C-alpha cells in the first residue's frame, strides 16, 4: 500500500502499480505525474464519488479498481483511457452506467454489489469483453447486444431481478462459467426444498478451534463435534454479497449436492448459532492437500495460473479428468450447475485423488430434458473442456483420444458438445 504523502513528494516516480487507500474524497491530481509508467491503479476503500474527465491522460493504464467507494455512476472519464482493459467498481452505489464510460479495449467489467437497474446496449460494442461481474444489482433484463460479445467466457448475474434467462445467453460460443442463482426465475431454477436427510446439528455440540481459511462467503474453522471422534470443519457464512452471488445460495447448493467421492462430505447444518449465522459442518481436509492451480491473474483474466514447471503424467491427467467428469455428472443429475469448474477449485493429494470445492457460483436448473437444461449443462462441459486442455498442455505424453474429447467439449456450437454422461463413458 502506498501513501498520499509519498505520491505528493514525488517518491513514486516510475511505478507501474499504485495502491492508494487513505479516506480520499478527491482524486489526487499528482497521479497524472505517473502517466508514463502507471498500468494498475487501485483506489479501493476511499470516499471517492468522482474521477477527472481527463482520466485518459493515464495513457498506459490497463487496470482500474475503485471498489468500496461512494460512486453513484461509473465516471465517463473511464471510457477515455485508451489502454484500459479491466474496470472494477464493486460495492459502491452505482445506479447508472453510461455508454461513454466503457473503454474500447474492455476485457473485464466488475460492478458487483451496486444498484444497477439496466445496462447500456453499447456493451455489445465491447468486442474484447471476456468477463462481466454483475451479481447483487437490480437488473430486470440484459441488453440483447451482449450476444455480439463472442469472446465472453465468464458471467455473474446472480442476485438480481431477472425473470428469465435470455435465449441468446445459452448460445454464447465461449461462455463457460455462469452464475445466476438468486433471481426470480421460474420454480425449476430455484433451490429445491432442503432434503430431509440433512442432519441438524446443535451449536452447543460444536467447539470451534483455529481458523483454517476465509473468503468472501465465510470463515472456515477447525472444530470438534461431539458425535465424531475426529476433527471436523465448520463454515460460518457471512451472508454478505460476493462476486459470485449470495452465500446462502452457496449453502443451499452444498446441501442439495449430496454425497460423491469427489465432494467434501457434509455432516450437517447448524441452525442455532448465537448470532444466527448459517453454518455447515463438513469433512476436515488434510492440510497436505493442495490446489491444482492458482486462480486467474489480471493478465490471464479468465484462465487459471499454473506453475511454469508443472508437469503431469498421462495417467494423472486421465484420473483427474475422470474424477471431475464424474462429479460433474453427479451434480447435473441433481439439477446443479457448479458455475466455477476451475482447477483452482480442485484440491488434490499426492496420490492423485481430488475434491471439487467452492459452490459460490452454483445455480439450479430444471431437470426436464429441455433444450434450456441441456444448454446449461453444456456450458459447464465447456469449462471442463478448458480444464482438460490445460491439463493436456502439461502432460508428458500425448493422447489422441483425450485430445479429441477436449476438442468436442470446447466446440462453439453449445448443443453439439457432449453431456457429462457421454464424457464419462469416453473417459472409461
Protein backbone atom coordinates (compact mmCIF):
# COMPACT_ATOMS: atom_id res chain seq x y z
CA UNK A 1 0.00 0.00 0.00
CA UNK A 2 1.31 3.45 -0.92
CA UNK A 3 0.73 6.72 0.91
CA UNK A 4 -0.60 10.05 -0.29
CA UNK A 5 2.46 11.72 1.20
CA UNK A 6 4.82 9.63 -0.92
CA UNK A 7 2.73 10.44 -4.01
CA UNK A 8 2.77 14.20 -3.32
CA UNK A 9 6.50 14.17 -2.56
CA UNK A 10 7.27 12.53 -5.92
CA UNK A 11 8.70 9.39 -4.35
CA UNK A 12 6.66 7.03 -6.56
CA UNK A 13 8.01 8.11 -9.95
CA UNK A 14 8.22 5.27 -12.43
CA UNK A 15 5.96 2.79 -10.61
CA UNK A 16 3.60 0.62 -12.65
CA UNK A 17 1.10 -0.12 -9.85
CA UNK A 18 -0.37 2.36 -7.36
CA UNK A 19 -2.47 1.22 -4.36
CA UNK A 20 -3.86 4.20 -2.50
CA UNK A 21 -6.39 3.91 0.35
CA UNK A 22 -6.41 6.98 2.57
CA UNK A 23 -10.03 8.12 3.05
CA UNK A 24 -9.65 10.12 -0.16
CA UNK A 25 -12.60 12.31 -1.12
CA UNK A 26 -10.97 13.72 -4.24
CA UNK A 27 -8.77 12.20 -6.92
CA UNK A 28 -5.16 13.28 -6.31
CA UNK A 29 -4.01 15.12 -9.44
CA UNK A 30 -0.43 14.02 -8.71
CA UNK A 31 -1.40 10.61 -10.09
CA UNK A 32 -1.11 12.15 -13.56
CA UNK A 33 2.62 12.59 -12.92
CA UNK A 34 2.83 8.78 -13.21
CA UNK A 35 1.14 8.67 -16.62
CA UNK A 36 4.19 7.38 -18.48
CA UNK A 37 4.52 4.28 -16.29
CA UNK A 38 1.25 3.59 -14.42
CA UNK A 39 -0.56 0.43 -15.57
CA UNK A 40 -2.59 -0.57 -12.47
CA UNK A 41 -4.44 1.94 -10.30
CA UNK A 42 -6.22 0.67 -7.17
CA UNK A 43 -8.26 3.27 -5.29
CA UNK A 44 -10.34 0.76 -3.34
CA UNK A 45 -11.53 1.73 0.13
CA UNK A 46 -11.76 5.51 -0.11
CA UNK A 47 -14.64 8.02 -0.17
CA UNK A 48 -14.47 8.95 -3.83
CA UNK A 49 -17.56 9.81 -5.84
CA UNK A 50 -15.97 11.24 -8.99
CA UNK A 51 -12.93 10.88 -11.24
CA UNK A 52 -11.44 13.52 -13.57
CA UNK A 53 -12.92 13.91 -17.04
CA UNK A 54 -9.37 13.84 -18.42
CA UNK A 55 -8.56 10.44 -16.86
CA UNK A 56 -7.50 9.38 -20.35
CA UNK A 57 -4.21 11.16 -19.71
CA UNK A 58 -3.24 7.90 -17.98
CA UNK A 59 -2.48 6.50 -21.42
CA UNK A 60 -0.77 3.31 -20.17
CA UNK A 61 -3.43 2.42 -17.60
CA UNK A 62 -4.70 -1.16 -18.06
CA UNK A 63 -6.44 -1.87 -14.74
CA UNK A 64 -8.62 0.41 -12.59
CA UNK A 65 -10.15 -0.65 -9.26
CA UNK A 66 -12.44 1.73 -7.36
CA UNK A 67 -14.34 -0.69 -5.12
CA UNK A 68 -15.82 0.32 -1.75
CA UNK A 69 -16.20 4.00 -2.52
CA UNK A 70 -19.22 6.32 -2.94
CA UNK A 71 -19.73 6.34 -6.70
CA UNK A 72 -23.33 6.58 -7.96
CA UNK A 73 -22.27 6.18 -11.60
CA UNK A 74 -19.22 5.00 -13.48
CA UNK A 75 -17.37 8.20 -14.43
CA UNK A 76 -17.24 8.89 -18.16
CA UNK A 77 -13.53 9.66 -17.87
CA UNK A 78 -13.01 5.90 -17.51
CA UNK A 79 -14.10 5.46 -21.11
CA UNK A 80 -11.38 7.85 -22.29
CA UNK A 81 -8.47 5.63 -21.16
CA UNK A 82 -7.05 4.19 -24.39
CA UNK A 83 -5.33 1.12 -22.89
CA UNK A 84 -7.83 0.30 -20.11
CA UNK A 85 -8.91 -3.38 -20.06
CA UNK A 86 -10.13 -4.13 -16.51
CA UNK A 87 -12.63 -1.88 -14.71
CA UNK A 88 -13.80 -2.67 -11.17
CA UNK A 89 -16.34 -0.63 -9.15
CA UNK A 90 -17.57 -3.29 -6.73
CA UNK A 91 -19.63 -2.29 -3.66
CA UNK A 92 -20.45 1.32 -4.47
CA UNK A 93 -23.90 2.87 -5.01
CA UNK A 94 -23.83 2.79 -8.79
CA UNK A 95 -27.20 3.10 -10.48
CA UNK A 96 -26.04 4.26 -13.90
CA UNK A 97 -23.56 3.03 -16.49
CA UNK A 98 -23.17 5.46 -19.38
CA UNK A 99 -22.09 4.16 -22.80
CA UNK A 100 -19.37 6.82 -22.68
CA UNK A 101 -17.87 5.17 -19.58
CA UNK A 102 -16.95 1.98 -21.48
CA UNK A 103 -13.31 1.85 -22.64
CA UNK A 104 -12.96 0.42 -26.13
CA UNK A 105 -10.47 -2.29 -25.07
CA UNK A 106 -12.58 -3.53 -22.14
CA UNK A 107 -11.94 -7.18 -21.20
CA UNK A 108 -13.36 -7.36 -17.67
CA UNK A 109 -16.14 -5.31 -16.08
CA UNK A 110 -16.77 -5.74 -12.33
CA UNK A 111 -19.87 -4.00 -10.96
CA UNK A 112 -20.83 -6.44 -8.20
CA UNK A 113 -23.00 -5.19 -5.30
CA UNK A 114 -24.38 -1.96 -6.70
CA UNK A 115 -27.80 -0.54 -7.65
CA UNK A 116 -27.93 -1.01 -11.43
CA UNK A 117 -31.38 -1.47 -12.93
CA UNK A 118 -30.28 -1.54 -16.57
CA UNK A 119 -27.21 -1.74 -18.77
CA UNK A 120 -26.46 0.18 -21.98
CA UNK A 121 -26.81 -1.51 -25.37
CA UNK A 122 -23.31 -0.17 -26.07
CA UNK A 123 -21.93 -3.09 -24.05
CA UNK A 124 -22.35 -5.13 -27.21
CA UNK A 125 -19.69 -2.97 -28.85
CA UNK A 126 -17.06 -4.21 -26.38
CA UNK A 127 -15.77 -6.89 -28.71
CA UNK A 128 -12.97 -8.00 -26.37
CA UNK A 129 -15.21 -8.49 -23.31
CA UNK A 130 -14.34 -11.80 -21.58
CA UNK A 131 -15.67 -11.35 -18.03
CA UNK A 132 -18.61 -9.43 -16.61
CA UNK A 133 -19.47 -9.45 -12.89
CA UNK A 134 -22.95 -8.12 -12.09
CA UNK A 135 -24.09 -10.07 -9.02
CA UNK A 136 -26.04 -8.15 -6.39
CA UNK A 137 -27.69 -5.47 -8.53
CA UNK A 138 -31.32 -4.82 -9.55
CA UNK A 139 -31.21 -5.81 -13.21
CA UNK A 140 -34.51 -6.93 -14.71
CA UNK A 141 -33.05 -7.68 -18.14
CA UNK A 142 -29.78 -7.90 -20.03
CA UNK A 143 -29.11 -5.95 -23.22
CA UNK A 144 -29.59 -8.15 -26.29
CA UNK A 145 -26.47 -6.55 -27.74
CA UNK A 146 -24.35 -8.66 -25.34
CA UNK A 147 -24.93 -11.52 -27.78
CA UNK A 148 -22.37 -9.80 -30.02
CA UNK A 149 -19.67 -10.24 -27.35
CA UNK A 150 -18.49 -13.53 -28.80
CA UNK A 151 -15.41 -13.67 -26.54
CA UNK A 152 -17.48 -13.61 -23.32
CA UNK A 153 -16.37 -16.51 -21.11
CA UNK A 154 -17.46 -15.71 -17.55
CA UNK A 155 -20.70 -14.07 -16.42
CA UNK A 156 -22.01 -13.46 -12.91
CA UNK A 157 -25.64 -12.27 -12.86
CA UNK A 158 -26.76 -13.84 -9.56
CA UNK A 159 -28.92 -11.97 -7.04
CA UNK A 160 -30.64 -9.61 -9.48
CA UNK A 161 -34.28 -9.28 -10.59
CA UNK A 162 -34.10 -11.28 -13.82
CA UNK A 163 -37.38 -13.14 -14.51
CA UNK A 164 -35.81 -15.34 -17.20
CA UNK A 165 -32.52 -16.26 -18.86
CA UNK A 166 -32.39 -14.82 -22.40
CA UNK A 167 -32.16 -17.36 -25.22
CA UNK A 168 -29.05 -15.75 -26.69
CA UNK A 169 -27.20 -16.34 -23.42
CA UNK A 170 -27.50 -20.11 -23.87
CA UNK A 171 -25.88 -19.93 -27.31
CA UNK A 172 -22.76 -17.93 -26.47
CA UNK A 173 -19.87 -19.87 -28.05
CA UNK A 174 -17.26 -19.29 -25.32
CA UNK A 175 -19.39 -18.90 -22.19
CA UNK A 176 -18.06 -21.47 -19.70
CA UNK A 177 -18.64 -20.04 -16.21
CA UNK A 178 -22.15 -18.77 -15.46
CA UNK A 179 -23.84 -17.93 -12.14
CA UNK A 180 -27.49 -16.85 -12.00
CA UNK A 181 -28.88 -18.06 -8.65
CA UNK A 182 -30.99 -15.71 -6.54
CA UNK A 183 -33.09 -14.27 -9.38
CA UNK A 184 -36.92 -14.52 -9.52
CA UNK A 185 -36.72 -17.26 -12.15
CA UNK A 186 -39.39 -19.96 -12.54
CA UNK A 187 -39.52 -22.55 -9.75
CA UNK A 188 -37.38 -25.21 -11.51
CA UNK A 189 -34.45 -22.76 -11.44
CA UNK A 190 -34.69 -22.23 -7.70
CA UNK A 191 -33.15 -24.20 -4.86
CA UNK A 192 -35.24 -27.27 -4.03
CA UNK A 193 -36.75 -27.87 -0.64
CA UNK A 194 -33.98 -28.87 1.70
CA UNK A 195 -33.51 -32.65 1.73
CA UNK A 196 -34.90 -34.24 4.85
CA UNK A 197 -31.76 -36.31 5.34
CA UNK A 198 -29.56 -33.26 6.03
CA UNK A 199 -28.85 -33.63 9.75
CA UNK A 200 -29.41 -30.68 12.10
CA UNK A 201 -26.51 -30.14 14.47
CA UNK A 202 -26.84 -28.31 17.77
CA UNK A 203 -24.40 -25.43 18.16
CA UNK A 204 -23.84 -26.50 21.76
CA UNK A 205 -22.29 -29.73 20.47
CA UNK A 206 -19.64 -27.91 18.41
CA UNK A 207 -16.40 -26.42 19.73
CA UNK A 208 -14.57 -24.11 17.33
CA UNK A 209 -10.79 -24.14 17.15
CA UNK A 210 -8.39 -22.26 14.87
CA UNK A 211 -9.39 -20.53 11.64
CA UNK A 212 -8.36 -22.59 8.62
CA UNK A 213 -9.24 -20.03 5.99
CA UNK A 214 -11.72 -17.40 4.96
CA UNK A 215 -13.11 -15.98 1.77
CA UNK A 216 -15.84 -13.68 0.58
CA UNK A 217 -18.64 -16.05 1.62
CA UNK A 218 -17.49 -17.10 5.07
CA UNK A 219 -14.92 -18.34 7.55
CA UNK A 220 -13.84 -21.97 7.93
CA UNK A 221 -12.79 -23.20 11.39
CA UNK A 222 -11.38 -26.46 12.55
CA UNK A 223 -13.74 -27.77 15.21
CA UNK A 224 -14.78 -30.69 17.38
CA UNK A 225 -18.21 -32.20 17.11
CA UNK A 226 -19.47 -34.34 19.95
CA UNK A 227 -20.79 -37.02 17.57
CA UNK A 228 -17.40 -37.67 15.94
CA UNK A 229 -14.01 -38.64 17.31
CA UNK A 230 -12.12 -36.87 14.51
CA UNK A 231 -11.94 -33.10 13.99
CA UNK A 232 -14.35 -31.52 11.52
CA UNK A 233 -14.53 -28.24 9.61
CA UNK A 234 -17.25 -25.66 10.29
CA UNK A 235 -18.04 -22.97 7.72
CA UNK A 236 -19.78 -19.91 9.11
CA UNK A 237 -21.43 -17.96 6.30
CA UNK A 238 -21.22 -14.17 6.41
CA UNK A 239 -24.42 -13.51 4.50
CA UNK A 240 -22.80 -10.68 2.51
CA UNK A 241 -22.81 -10.38 -1.28
CA UNK A 242 -19.82 -11.94 -3.01
CA UNK A 243 -18.60 -11.66 -6.58
CA UNK A 244 -20.49 -14.89 -7.34
CA UNK A 245 -23.75 -14.09 -5.51
CA UNK A 246 -25.35 -14.77 -2.14
CA UNK A 247 -23.54 -17.11 0.29
CA UNK A 248 -26.97 -18.56 1.19
CA UNK A 249 -27.32 -19.84 -2.37
CA UNK A 250 -23.91 -21.47 -1.98
CA UNK A 251 -25.06 -23.16 1.20
CA UNK A 252 -28.24 -24.46 -0.47
CA UNK A 253 -26.20 -25.96 -3.31
CA UNK A 254 -23.79 -27.67 -0.89
CA UNK A 255 -26.72 -29.32 0.85
CA UNK A 256 -28.51 -30.32 -2.36
CA UNK A 257 -25.35 -31.77 -3.94
CA UNK A 258 -25.47 -34.91 -1.80
CA UNK A 259 -22.64 -37.42 -1.46
CA UNK A 260 -19.95 -38.14 -4.02
CA UNK A 261 -16.32 -39.29 -3.63
CA UNK A 262 -15.10 -36.05 -5.24
CA UNK A 263 -17.13 -33.74 -2.99
CA UNK A 264 -16.30 -32.64 0.54
CA UNK A 265 -18.55 -34.75 2.77
CA UNK A 266 -21.29 -32.79 4.53
CA UNK A 267 -22.09 -33.79 8.11
CA UNK A 268 -24.99 -31.41 8.64
CA UNK A 269 -26.11 -27.84 9.18
CA UNK A 270 -26.23 -25.68 12.29
CA UNK A 271 -29.40 -23.68 12.89
CA UNK A 272 -28.98 -22.18 16.35
CA UNK A 273 -25.76 -20.18 16.09
CA UNK A 274 -25.86 -17.46 18.79
CA UNK A 275 -25.55 -14.72 16.13
CA UNK A 276 -27.95 -16.54 13.79
CA UNK A 277 -25.17 -17.18 11.28
CA UNK A 278 -25.93 -20.04 8.90
CA UNK A 279 -23.29 -22.76 9.15
CA UNK A 280 -22.32 -26.17 7.82
CA UNK A 281 -20.29 -28.93 9.46
CA UNK A 282 -18.09 -30.71 6.93
CA UNK A 283 -15.29 -33.17 6.49
CA UNK A 284 -11.90 -31.79 7.51
CA UNK A 285 -9.44 -31.90 4.62
CA UNK A 286 -5.87 -32.88 5.41
CA UNK A 287 -3.61 -29.79 5.15
CA UNK A 288 -1.31 -31.67 2.78
CA UNK A 289 -3.93 -31.36 0.02
CA UNK A 290 -3.20 -28.60 -2.50
CA UNK A 291 -4.97 -26.62 -5.22
CA UNK A 292 -4.41 -27.97 -8.70
CA UNK A 293 -3.73 -24.41 -9.95
CA UNK A 294 -3.89 -20.79 -8.91
CA UNK A 295 -6.83 -18.52 -9.78
CA UNK A 296 -6.80 -16.26 -12.85
CA UNK A 297 -4.50 -13.27 -12.78
CA UNK A 298 -5.19 -9.78 -14.07
CA UNK A 299 -3.34 -10.71 -17.24
CA UNK A 300 -5.00 -14.11 -17.80
CA UNK A 301 -8.46 -12.67 -16.97
CA UNK A 302 -10.49 -15.91 -17.07
CA UNK A 303 -7.77 -18.59 -17.15
CA UNK A 304 -6.11 -20.28 -14.20
CA UNK A 305 -2.41 -19.89 -13.49
CA UNK A 306 -0.13 -22.92 -13.19
CA UNK A 307 3.43 -23.29 -12.03
CA UNK A 308 5.68 -22.97 -15.06
CA UNK A 309 7.42 -26.26 -14.33
CA UNK A 310 4.22 -28.18 -13.53
CA UNK A 311 4.05 -31.45 -15.46
CA UNK A 312 1.56 -34.33 -15.30
CA UNK A 313 1.67 -37.95 -16.40
CA UNK A 314 -0.95 -39.27 -18.79
CA UNK A 315 -2.36 -41.48 -16.03
CA UNK A 316 -2.69 -38.45 -13.72
CA UNK A 317 -4.48 -36.43 -16.39
CA UNK A 318 -6.85 -39.31 -17.13
CA UNK A 319 -7.55 -39.90 -13.45
CA UNK A 320 -8.21 -36.21 -12.78
CA UNK A 321 -10.41 -35.81 -15.84
CA UNK A 322 -12.41 -38.92 -14.98
CA UNK A 323 -12.96 -37.75 -11.40
CA UNK A 324 -14.04 -34.24 -12.41
CA UNK A 325 -16.36 -35.53 -15.12
CA UNK A 326 -17.87 -37.96 -12.63
CA UNK A 327 -18.67 -35.26 -10.09
CA UNK A 328 -19.94 -33.04 -12.91
CA UNK A 329 -22.36 -35.78 -13.98
CA UNK A 330 -23.42 -36.23 -10.35
CA UNK A 331 -24.18 -32.54 -9.88
CA UNK A 332 -26.06 -32.32 -13.18
CA UNK A 333 -28.08 -35.32 -12.08
CA UNK A 334 -29.20 -33.20 -9.13
CA UNK A 335 -30.01 -30.19 -11.32
CA UNK A 336 -26.96 -28.21 -10.17
CA UNK A 337 -24.57 -26.29 -12.39
CA UNK A 338 -21.36 -25.69 -10.42
CA UNK A 339 -20.65 -22.44 -12.27
CA UNK A 340 -16.98 -22.30 -11.28
CA UNK A 341 -15.45 -25.50 -12.63
CA UNK A 342 -11.81 -24.47 -12.43
CA UNK A 343 -8.52 -26.11 -11.50
CA UNK A 344 -8.10 -23.63 -8.64
CA UNK A 345 -11.28 -25.08 -7.08
CA UNK A 346 -9.93 -28.63 -7.22
CA UNK A 347 -7.98 -29.95 -4.24
CA UNK A 348 -5.53 -32.81 -4.83
CA UNK A 349 -3.37 -35.08 -2.72
CA UNK A 350 -0.07 -36.74 -3.53
CA UNK A 351 -1.86 -39.92 -4.63
CA UNK A 352 -3.87 -38.19 -7.35
CA UNK A 353 -7.21 -38.10 -5.54
CA UNK A 354 -9.17 -34.88 -5.86
CA UNK A 355 -12.13 -32.94 -4.46
CA UNK A 356 -14.18 -30.24 -6.16
CA UNK A 357 -15.00 -27.32 -3.88
CA UNK A 358 -16.39 -23.76 -3.82
CA UNK A 359 -20.10 -23.76 -4.64
CA UNK A 360 -20.31 -19.96 -4.53
CA UNK A 361 -21.34 -19.73 -8.19
CA UNK A 362 -23.65 -22.76 -8.21
CA UNK A 363 -27.11 -22.44 -9.75
CA UNK A 364 -30.09 -24.76 -10.15
CA UNK A 365 -31.81 -25.64 -13.40
CA UNK A 366 -34.86 -27.74 -14.38
CA UNK A 367 -34.41 -31.47 -14.81
CA UNK A 368 -36.98 -31.65 -17.58
CA UNK A 369 -34.90 -32.68 -20.57
CA UNK A 370 -35.48 -29.27 -22.17
CA UNK A 371 -33.13 -27.50 -24.56
CA UNK A 372 -32.52 -24.93 -21.83
CA UNK A 373 -31.39 -27.59 -19.36
CA UNK A 374 -29.16 -29.21 -22.00
CA UNK A 375 -27.57 -25.85 -22.85
CA UNK A 376 -26.83 -25.05 -19.20
CA UNK A 377 -25.21 -28.46 -18.80
CA UNK A 378 -23.06 -27.99 -21.89
CA UNK A 379 -21.93 -24.54 -20.82
CA UNK A 380 -20.32 -26.35 -17.90
CA UNK A 381 -18.92 -29.02 -20.22
CA UNK A 382 -17.06 -26.19 -21.96
CA UNK A 383 -15.46 -25.31 -18.61
CA UNK A 384 -14.45 -28.97 -18.29
CA UNK A 385 -13.00 -28.84 -21.81
CA UNK A 386 -10.93 -25.77 -20.91
CA UNK A 387 -9.65 -27.58 -17.82
CA UNK A 388 -8.83 -30.72 -19.80
CA UNK A 389 -6.95 -28.65 -22.35
CA UNK A 390 -4.88 -27.06 -19.59
CA UNK A 391 -4.04 -30.48 -18.17
CA UNK A 392 -3.15 -31.91 -21.59
CA UNK A 393 -0.84 -28.97 -22.29
CA UNK A 394 1.14 -30.05 -19.22
CA UNK A 395 1.00 -33.76 -19.97
CA UNK A 396 4.21 -35.65 -20.65
CA UNK A 397 2.52 -37.95 -23.19
CA UNK A 398 0.07 -37.08 -25.95
CA UNK A 399 -3.19 -38.99 -26.25
CA UNK A 400 -5.35 -38.54 -29.36
CA UNK A 401 -8.49 -39.87 -27.65
CA UNK A 402 -8.25 -37.26 -24.89
CA UNK A 403 -7.42 -34.53 -27.38
CA UNK A 404 -10.46 -35.47 -29.49
CA UNK A 405 -12.66 -35.39 -26.38
CA UNK A 406 -11.27 -32.00 -25.44
CA UNK A 407 -12.00 -30.59 -28.90
CA UNK A 408 -15.58 -31.83 -28.72
CA UNK A 409 -16.09 -30.23 -25.30
CA UNK A 410 -14.91 -26.78 -26.41
CA UNK A 411 -16.58 -26.56 -29.81
CA UNK A 412 -18.54 -23.29 -30.22
CA UNK A 413 -21.92 -24.93 -31.01
CA UNK A 414 -23.27 -25.37 -27.49
CA UNK A 415 -25.79 -28.13 -28.22
CA UNK A 416 -23.21 -30.23 -30.13
CA UNK A 417 -20.99 -30.66 -27.08
CA UNK A 418 -21.29 -33.98 -25.24
CA UNK A 419 -23.01 -34.14 -21.86
CA UNK A 420 -21.08 -35.35 -18.83
CA UNK A 421 -22.59 -38.84 -19.14
CA UNK A 422 -21.00 -39.21 -22.58
CA UNK A 423 -17.76 -37.64 -21.34
CA UNK A 424 -17.56 -40.21 -18.54
CA UNK A 425 -18.24 -43.04 -20.99
CA UNK A 426 -15.48 -41.90 -23.34
CA UNK A 427 -13.01 -41.49 -20.49
CA UNK A 428 -13.71 -45.02 -19.25
